[in-house]
Amino acid sequence: MRTRTSLTILLAATLVLIAVVRSSTDEPDAPTERADGRTR
């Protein structure tokens, strides 16, 4: 039971991380020049 619970928590954390990364990179009006120094 402990292994299944930790696996579920790990899966949920991975999904949250992917969602945060995709939402932060897919914003069209985000200032991209602040991140990598050049305008996209």
N, C-alpha and C. Protein backbone atom coordinates (compact mmCIF):
# COMPACT_ATOMS: atom_id res chain seq x y z
N MET A 1 0.82 -1.20 0.00
CA MET A 1 0.00 0.00 0.00
C MET A 1 0.87 1.27 0.00
N ARG A 2 1.98 1.22 0.72
CA ARG A 2 2.83 2.40 0.80
C ARG A 2 3.45 2.70 -0.57
N THR A 3 3.81 1.64 -1.30
CA THR A 3 4.41 1.86 -2.61
C THR A 3 3.41 2.47 -3.58
N ARG A 4 2.17 2.00 -3.54
CA ARG A 4 1.15 2.53 -4.43
C ARG A 4 0.84 3.99 -4.09
N THR A 5 0.82 4.32 -2.81
CA THR A 5 0.54 5.70 -2.41
C THR A 5 1.65 6.63 -2.87
N SER A 6 2.91 6.23 -2.68
CA SER A 6 4.03 7.08 -3.10
C SER A 6 4.07 7.21 -4.62
N LEU A 7 3.70 6.14 -5.31
CA LEU A 7 3.67 6.20 -6.77
C LEU A 7 2.59 7.15 -7.26
N THR A 8 1.45 7.15 -6.59
CA THR A 8 0.37 8.07 -6.96
C THR A 8 0.79 9.51 -6.71
N ILE A 9 1.45 9.76 -5.58
CA ILE A 9 1.92 11.10 -5.26
C ILE A 9 2.95 11.56 -6.28
N LEU A 10 3.83 10.65 -6.68
CA LEU A 10 4.86 10.99 -7.66
C LEU A 10 4.23 11.31 -9.01
N LEU A 11 3.22 10.54 -9.39
CA LEU A 11 2.54 10.79 -10.66
C LEU A 11 1.82 12.13 -10.64
N ALA A 12 1.17 12.43 -9.53
CA ALA A 12 0.46 13.71 -9.42
C ALA A 12 1.44 14.88 -9.46
N ALA A 13 2.58 14.73 -8.79
CA ALA A 13 3.58 15.79 -8.78
C ALA A 13 4.15 16.00 -10.19
N THR A 14 4.32 14.91 -10.93
CA THR A 14 4.83 15.02 -12.30
C THR A 14 3.83 15.74 -13.19
N LEU A 15 2.55 15.42 -13.03
CA LEU A 15 1.53 16.08 -13.84
C LEU A 15 1.44 17.56 -13.52
N VAL A 16 1.55 17.90 -12.24
CA VAL A 16 1.51 19.31 -11.84
C VAL A 16 2.72 20.05 -12.42
N LEU A 17 3.90 19.42 -12.36
CA LEU A 17 5.11 20.04 -12.89
C LEU A 17 4.99 20.28 -14.39
N ILE A 18 4.47 19.29 -15.10
CA ILE A 18 4.29 19.44 -16.55
C ILE A 18 3.30 20.57 -16.85
N ALA A 19 2.22 20.64 -16.07
CA ALA A 19 1.22 21.69 -16.31
C ALA A 19 1.82 23.07 -16.05
N VAL A 20 2.63 23.21 -15.01
CA VAL A 20 3.25 24.50 -14.69
C VAL A 20 4.23 24.90 -15.79
N VAL A 21 5.02 23.95 -16.26
CA VAL A 21 6.00 24.26 -17.30
C VAL A 21 5.30 24.65 -18.60
N ARG A 22 4.25 23.90 -18.96
CA ARG A 22 3.55 24.21 -20.20
C ARG A 22 2.82 25.55 -20.12
N SER A 23 2.24 25.87 -18.98
CA SER A 23 1.52 27.14 -18.85
C SER A 23 2.50 28.31 -18.85
N SER A 24 3.70 28.10 -18.32
CA SER A 24 4.68 29.19 -18.27
C SER A 24 5.35 29.39 -19.62
N THR A 25 5.41 28.36 -20.45
CA THR A 25 6.07 28.50 -21.76
C THR A 25 5.07 28.81 -22.86
N ASP A 26 3.78 28.54 -22.66
CA ASP A 26 2.81 28.73 -23.72
C ASP A 26 2.08 30.06 -23.65
N GLU A 27 2.48 30.95 -22.72
CA GLU A 27 1.83 32.25 -22.65
C GLU A 27 2.29 33.12 -23.81
N PRO A 28 1.36 33.60 -24.65
CA PRO A 28 1.76 34.35 -25.84
C PRO A 28 2.23 35.77 -25.52
N ASP A 29 1.72 36.36 -24.43
CA ASP A 29 2.08 37.74 -24.14
C ASP A 29 3.05 37.84 -22.97
N ALA A 30 3.80 36.78 -22.72
CA ALA A 30 4.80 36.82 -21.66
C ALA A 30 6.07 37.47 -22.21
N PRO A 31 6.74 38.28 -21.41
CA PRO A 31 8.00 38.90 -21.88
C PRO A 31 9.10 37.85 -22.02
N THR A 32 9.36 37.43 -23.25
CA THR A 32 10.33 36.36 -23.48
C THR A 32 11.76 36.88 -23.38
N GLU A 33 11.95 38.18 -23.62
CA GLU A 33 13.30 38.73 -23.61
C GLU A 33 13.92 38.72 -22.22
N ARG A 34 13.07 38.71 -21.18
CA ARG A 34 13.59 38.67 -19.82
C ARG A 34 14.16 37.27 -19.50
N ALA A 35 13.60 36.24 -20.16
CA ALA A 35 14.02 34.87 -19.86
C ALA A 35 15.35 34.53 -20.54
N ASP A 36 15.42 34.72 -21.87
CA ASP A 36 16.63 34.25 -22.56
C ASP A 36 17.38 35.39 -23.26
N GLY A 37 16.98 36.63 -23.02
CA GLY A 37 17.77 37.76 -23.50
C GLY A 37 17.47 38.19 -24.92
N ARG A 38 16.53 37.54 -25.60
CA ARG A 38 16.19 37.94 -26.97
C ARG A 38 14.71 37.77 -27.20
N THR A 39 14.17 38.57 -28.09
CA THR A 39 12.74 38.49 -28.36
C THR A 39 12.47 37.36 -29.34
N ARG A 40 11.40 36.64 -29.11
CA ARG A 40 11.12 35.48 -29.95
C ARG A 40 10.38 35.92 -31.22
